[in-house]
Amino acid sequence: MSAFRYELEPVDESYFESAPMRWRVGLELAAGPDEVWAELTSPRPLSWCRALGDVHYTTEPPYGVGTIREARVLGAYRMREHFFRWDEAERRKSFYATEGTLPLFGSFAEDYHVLPFAGGSKLVWSFAFTPWQGLDSALQLGRPLTESMLASLVKDTRAHFGPLTEVH
């Protein structure tokens, strides 16, 4: 029996503007755009993020549209992800989750966009989701936990690549 018991709805790029719950953060990093992109597209992306125990592609390289990735979040939740956008020239990729191990989300998506920025790069990292039917209020109550986890991803990414400027 597969650990992925709950199917999530597919989305497209418009979801990042229409989802009921959305976060977008712009990280100004000391590393150049090619270095940041290379690490985000490596066989073990996001290995520097403590909240993510294991993130790996199940599709063989070269990666692109249609690539499948699996991620473990906070040690307990696993998600299977399908990349619907992968643009090497623009250094941009987006996925939606297809399956999860717990009924938390009806839909979930992330977008990574690495841009050149004076002295380094800027990673625009977007998260969007719809709670599982009936969990709307529970996820609203859990919003501080979600925001804390996202803050951890941001902090770990800044520490890994080096912040372009000191963050106070």
C-alpha atoms as a PDB file:
ATOM      1  CA  MET A   1       0.000   0.000   0.000  1.00  0.00           C
ATOM      2  CA  SER A   2       1.354   3.431  -0.965  1.00  0.00           C
ATOM      3  CA  ALA A   3       2.030   5.988   1.753  1.00  0.00           C
ATOM      4  CA  PHE A   4       0.436   8.585  -0.534  1.00  0.00           C
ATOM      5  CA  ARG A   5      -3.240   8.095   0.199  1.00  0.00           C
ATOM      6  CA  TYR A   6      -4.675  11.541  -0.537  1.00  0.00           C
ATOM      7  CA  GLU A   7      -4.881  13.014  -4.018  1.00  0.00           C
ATOM      8  CA  LEU A   8      -4.544  16.764  -4.512  1.00  0.00           C
ATOM      9  CA  GLU A   9      -6.019  18.796  -7.364  1.00  0.00           C
ATOM     10  CA  PRO A  10      -3.696  19.985 -10.161  1.00  0.00           C
ATOM     11  CA  VAL A  11      -3.270  23.748 -10.686  1.00  0.00           C
ATOM     12  CA  ASP A  12      -1.529  26.088 -13.126  1.00  0.00           C
ATOM     13  CA  GLU A  13       0.440  29.329 -12.780  1.00  0.00           C
ATOM     14  CA  SER A  14      -2.720  31.399 -12.174  1.00  0.00           C
ATOM     15  CA  TYR A  15      -3.110  29.588  -8.840  1.00  0.00           C
ATOM     16  CA  PHE A  16      -0.331  31.703  -7.306  1.00  0.00           C
ATOM     17  CA  GLU A  17      -2.668  34.705  -7.610  1.00  0.00           C
ATOM     18  CA  SER A  18      -5.976  32.981  -6.829  1.00  0.00           C
ATOM     19  CA  ALA A  19      -5.349  30.403  -4.070  1.00  0.00           C
ATOM     20  CA  PRO A  20      -7.065  31.109  -0.736  1.00  0.00           C
ATOM     21  CA  MET A  21      -3.734  30.955   1.109  1.00  0.00           C
ATOM     22  CA  ARG A  22      -0.621  32.495  -0.490  1.00  0.00           C
ATOM     23  CA  TRP A  23       2.845  33.564   0.574  1.00  0.00           C
ATOM     24  CA  ARG A  24       5.546  35.149  -1.573  1.00  0.00           C
ATOM     25  CA  VAL A  25       8.986  36.070  -0.318  1.00  0.00           C
ATOM     26  CA  GLY A  26      11.877  37.734  -2.132  1.00  0.00           C
ATOM     27  CA  LEU A  27      15.276  36.697  -0.782  1.00  0.00           C
ATOM     28  CA  GLU A  28      18.257  38.832  -1.780  1.00  0.00           C
ATOM     29  CA  LEU A  29      21.187  36.408  -1.697  1.00  0.00           C
ATOM     30  CA  ALA A  30      24.963  36.837  -1.950  1.00  0.00           C
ATOM     31  CA  ALA A  31      25.290  33.861  -4.325  1.00  0.00           C
ATOM     32  CA  GLY A  32      24.900  34.500  -8.041  1.00  0.00           C
ATOM     33  CA  PRO A  33      21.785  33.386  -9.944  1.00  0.00           C
ATOM     34  CA  ASP A  34      23.525  30.473 -11.673  1.00  0.00           C
ATOM     35  CA  GLU A  35      24.733  29.055  -8.333  1.00  0.00           C
ATOM     36  CA  VAL A  36      21.307  29.395  -6.682  1.00  0.00           C
ATOM     37  CA  TRP A  37      19.575  27.814  -9.703  1.00  0.00           C
ATOM     38  CA  ALA A  38      22.098  24.958  -9.802  1.00  0.00           C
ATOM     39  CA  GLU A  39      21.420  24.095  -6.162  1.00  0.00           C
ATOM     40  CA  LEU A  40      17.632  24.380  -6.566  1.00  0.00           C
ATOM     41  CA  THR A  41      17.799  21.946  -9.490  1.00  0.00           C
ATOM     42  CA  SER A  42      20.400  19.561  -8.018  1.00  0.00           C
ATOM     43  CA  PRO A  43      19.423  15.932  -7.256  1.00  0.00           C
ATOM     44  CA  ARG A  44      18.880  16.870  -3.560  1.00  0.00           C
ATOM     45  CA  PRO A  45      17.401  20.381  -3.667  1.00  0.00           C
ATOM     46  CA  LEU A  46      16.681  22.297  -0.467  1.00  0.00           C
ATOM     47  CA  SER A  47      18.940  19.983   1.581  1.00  0.00           C
ATOM     48  CA  TRP A  48      19.888  23.022   3.679  1.00  0.00           C
ATOM     49  CA  CYS A  49      16.325  23.482   4.995  1.00  0.00           C
ATOM     50  CA  ARG A  50      15.902  21.895   8.433  1.00  0.00           C
ATOM     51  CA  ALA A  51      12.105  21.614   8.065  1.00  0.00           C
ATOM     52  CA  LEU A  52      12.559  19.429   4.982  1.00  0.00           C
ATOM     53  CA  GLY A  53      13.970  16.037   5.886  1.00  0.00           C
ATOM     54  CA  ASP A  54      14.275  14.612   2.393  1.00  0.00           C
ATOM     55  CA  VAL A  55      13.604  16.237  -0.971  1.00  0.00           C
ATOM     56  CA  HIS A  56      14.550  14.270  -4.070  1.00  0.00           C
ATOM     57  CA  TYR A  57      13.534  13.778  -7.687  1.00  0.00           C
ATOM     58  CA  THR A  58      12.141  10.397  -8.654  1.00  0.00           C
ATOM     59  CA  THR A  59      12.482  11.274 -12.344  1.00  0.00           C
ATOM     60  CA  GLU A  60      15.883  10.790 -13.982  1.00  0.00           C
ATOM     61  CA  PRO A  61      17.758  13.870 -15.269  1.00  0.00           C
ATOM     62  CA  PRO A  62      17.592  15.964 -17.268  1.00  0.00           C
ATOM     63  CA  TYR A  63      14.798  17.565 -15.260  1.00  0.00           C
ATOM     64  CA  GLY A  64      12.058  19.615 -16.881  1.00  0.00           C
ATOM     65  CA  VAL A  65       8.298  19.862 -17.289  1.00  0.00           C
ATOM     66  CA  GLY A  66       6.808  16.576 -16.079  1.00  0.00           C
ATOM     67  CA  THR A  67       9.555  15.925 -13.510  1.00  0.00           C
ATOM     68  CA  ILE A  68       8.349  14.248 -10.307  1.00  0.00           C
ATOM     69  CA  ARG A  69       9.798  15.030  -6.880  1.00  0.00           C
ATOM     70  CA  GLU A  70       9.024  13.785  -3.377  1.00  0.00           C
ATOM     71  CA  ALA A  71       9.428  15.816  -0.202  1.00  0.00           C
ATOM     72  CA  ARG A  72       9.206  15.118   3.508  1.00  0.00           C
ATOM     73  CA  VAL A  73       8.042  18.080   5.609  1.00  0.00           C
ATOM     74  CA  LEU A  74       8.600  18.339   9.368  1.00  0.00           C
ATOM     75  CA  GLY A  75       9.466  14.639   9.447  1.00  0.00           C
ATOM     76  CA  ALA A  76       5.878  13.417   9.225  1.00  0.00           C
ATOM     77  CA  TYR A  77       4.171  14.675   6.074  1.00  0.00           C
ATOM     78  CA  ARG A  78       5.198  13.450   2.627  1.00  0.00           C
ATOM     79  CA  MET A  79       4.173  14.980  -0.652  1.00  0.00           C
ATOM     80  CA  ARG A  80       4.612  13.959  -4.299  1.00  0.00           C
ATOM     81  CA  GLU A  81       5.093  16.919  -6.661  1.00  0.00           C
ATOM     82  CA  HIS A  82       4.679  17.382 -10.429  1.00  0.00           C
ATOM     83  CA  PHE A  83       6.597  20.190 -12.167  1.00  0.00           C
ATOM     84  CA  PHE A  84       4.376  21.949 -14.689  1.00  0.00           C
ATOM     85  CA  ARG A  85       6.872  24.732 -15.407  1.00  0.00           C
ATOM     86  CA  TRP A  86      10.635  24.364 -15.791  1.00  0.00           C
ATOM     87  CA  ASP A  87      12.435  27.129 -17.649  1.00  0.00           C
ATOM     88  CA  GLU A  88      16.241  26.947 -17.546  1.00  0.00           C
ATOM     89  CA  ALA A  89      16.684  30.261 -19.415  1.00  0.00           C
ATOM     90  CA  GLU A  90      14.434  32.149 -16.972  1.00  0.00           C
ATOM     91  CA  ARG A  91      15.664  30.084 -13.993  1.00  0.00           C
ATOM     92  CA  ARG A  92      12.086  29.345 -12.984  1.00  0.00           C
ATOM     93  CA  LYS A  93      10.228  26.204 -11.991  1.00  0.00           C
ATOM     94  CA  SER A  94       6.805  25.501 -10.486  1.00  0.00           C
ATOM     95  CA  PHE A  95       5.080  22.396  -9.184  1.00  0.00           C
ATOM     96  CA  TYR A  96       1.755  21.299  -7.800  1.00  0.00           C
ATOM     97  CA  ALA A  97       1.411  18.442  -5.353  1.00  0.00           C
ATOM     98  CA  THR A  98      -0.349  15.382  -6.713  1.00  0.00           C
ATOM     99  CA  GLU A  99      -0.504  13.292  -3.522  1.00  0.00           C
ATOM    100  CA  GLY A 100       0.060  13.595   0.216  1.00  0.00           C
ATOM    101  CA  THR A 101       0.233  11.248   3.175  1.00  0.00           C
ATOM    102  CA  LEU A 102      -2.303  13.235   5.245  1.00  0.00           C
ATOM    103  CA  PRO A 103      -5.491  15.081   4.249  1.00  0.00           C
ATOM    104  CA  LEU A 104      -4.111  18.616   4.753  1.00  0.00           C
ATOM    105  CA  PHE A 105      -4.483  20.249   1.335  1.00  0.00           C
ATOM    106  CA  GLY A 106      -6.956  20.184  -1.529  1.00  0.00           C
ATOM    107  CA  SER A 107      -4.263  21.815  -3.684  1.00  0.00           C
ATOM    108  CA  PHE A 108      -0.676  22.927  -3.005  1.00  0.00           C
ATOM    109  CA  ALA A 109       1.896  24.583  -5.264  1.00  0.00           C
ATOM    110  CA  GLU A 110       5.288  26.290  -5.134  1.00  0.00           C
ATOM    111  CA  ASP A 111       7.116  28.538  -7.570  1.00  0.00           C
ATOM    112  CA  TYR A 112      10.854  29.321  -7.555  1.00  0.00           C
ATOM    113  CA  HIS A 113      12.175  32.184  -9.675  1.00  0.00           C
ATOM    114  CA  VAL A 114      15.867  33.157  -9.521  1.00  0.00           C
ATOM    115  CA  LEU A 115      16.653  36.628 -10.819  1.00  0.00           C
ATOM    116  CA  PRO A 116      19.909  38.530 -11.254  1.00  0.00           C
ATOM    117  CA  PHE A 117      20.301  41.197  -8.593  1.00  0.00           C
ATOM    118  CA  ALA A 118      23.125  43.675  -7.943  1.00  0.00           C
ATOM    119  CA  GLY A 119      25.862  41.846  -6.036  1.00  0.00           C
ATOM    120  CA  GLY A 120      24.100  38.453  -6.089  1.00  0.00           C
ATOM    121  CA  SER A 121      20.630  37.180  -6.911  1.00  0.00           C
ATOM    122  CA  LYS A 122      17.034  37.369  -5.821  1.00  0.00           C
ATOM    123  CA  LEU A 123      15.005  34.227  -5.208  1.00  0.00           C
ATOM    124  CA  VAL A 124      11.271  34.858  -5.411  1.00  0.00           C
ATOM    125  CA  TRP A 125       9.709  31.871  -3.657  1.00  0.00           C
ATOM    126  CA  SER A 126       5.929  31.521  -3.742  1.00  0.00           C
ATOM    127  CA  PHE A 127       3.664  29.104  -1.877  1.00  0.00           C
ATOM    128  CA  ALA A 128      -0.056  28.655  -2.505  1.00  0.00           C
ATOM    129  CA  PHE A 129      -2.586  26.219  -1.147  1.00  0.00           C
ATOM    130  CA  THR A 130      -6.198  25.354  -0.565  1.00  0.00           C
ATOM    131  CA  PRO A 131      -6.975  23.506   2.675  1.00  0.00           C
ATOM    132  CA  TRP A 132      -8.505  20.035   2.470  1.00  0.00           C
ATOM    133  CA  GLN A 133     -12.295  20.278   2.465  1.00  0.00           C
ATOM    134  CA  GLY A 134     -13.446  20.906   6.017  1.00  0.00           C
ATOM    135  CA  LEU A 135      -9.999  21.911   7.302  1.00  0.00           C
ATOM    136  CA  ASP A 136     -10.276  25.616   6.426  1.00  0.00           C
ATOM    137  CA  SER A 137     -10.674  26.803  10.020  1.00  0.00           C
ATOM    138  CA  ALA A 138      -8.121  24.322  11.390  1.00  0.00           C
ATOM    139  CA  LEU A 139      -5.499  25.544   8.912  1.00  0.00           C
ATOM    140  CA  GLN A 140      -6.375  29.147   9.723  1.00  0.00           C
ATOM    141  CA  LEU A 141      -5.712  28.317  13.387  1.00  0.00           C
ATOM    142  CA  GLY A 142      -2.490  26.631  12.300  1.00  0.00           C
ATOM    143  CA  ARG A 143      -1.409  29.709  10.347  1.00  0.00           C
ATOM    144  CA  PRO A 144       1.238  30.675  12.955  1.00  0.00           C
ATOM    145  CA  LEU A 145       2.809  27.196  12.595  1.00  0.00           C
ATOM    146  CA  THR A 146       2.755  27.504   8.796  1.00  0.00           C
ATOM    147  CA  GLU A 147       4.308  30.965   8.946  1.00  0.00           C
ATOM    148  CA  SER A 148       6.937  29.708  11.397  1.00  0.00           C
ATOM    149  CA  MET A 149       7.854  26.857   9.049  1.00  0.00           C
ATOM    150  CA  LEU A 150       8.080  29.232   6.069  1.00  0.00           C
ATOM    151  CA  ALA A 151      10.244  31.602   8.148  1.00  0.00           C
ATOM    152  CA  SER A 152      12.524  28.633   8.880  1.00  0.00           C
ATOM    153  CA  LEU A 153      12.864  27.900   5.126  1.00  0.00           C
ATOM    154  CA  VAL A 154      13.736  31.560   4.499  1.00  0.00           C
ATOM    155  CA  LYS A 155      16.246  31.696   7.365  1.00  0.00           C
ATOM    156  CA  ASP A 156      17.946  28.457   6.287  1.00  0.00           C
ATOM    157  CA  THR A 157      18.122  29.593   2.646  1.00  0.00           C
ATOM    158  CA  ARG A 158      19.646  32.949   3.624  1.00  0.00           C
ATOM    159  CA  ALA A 159      22.188  31.156   5.833  1.00  0.00           C
ATOM    160  CA  HIS A 160      23.055  28.670   3.063  1.00  0.00           C
ATOM    161  CA  PHE A 161      23.607  31.190   0.251  1.00  0.00           C
ATOM    162  CA  GLY A 162      24.521  34.178   2.378  1.00  0.00           C
ATOM    163  CA  PRO A 163      22.272  37.218   2.696  1.00  0.00           C
ATOM    164  CA  LEU A 164      23.082  40.066   0.332  1.00  0.00           C
ATOM    165  CA  THR A 165      22.607  42.491   3.201  1.00  0.00           C
ATOM    166  CA  GLU A 166      22.390  41.911   6.899  1.00  0.00           C
ATOM    167  CA  VAL A 167      18.883  41.078   8.060  1.00  0.00           C
ATOM    168  CA  HIS A 168      17.879  42.494  11.447  1.00  0.00           C
END
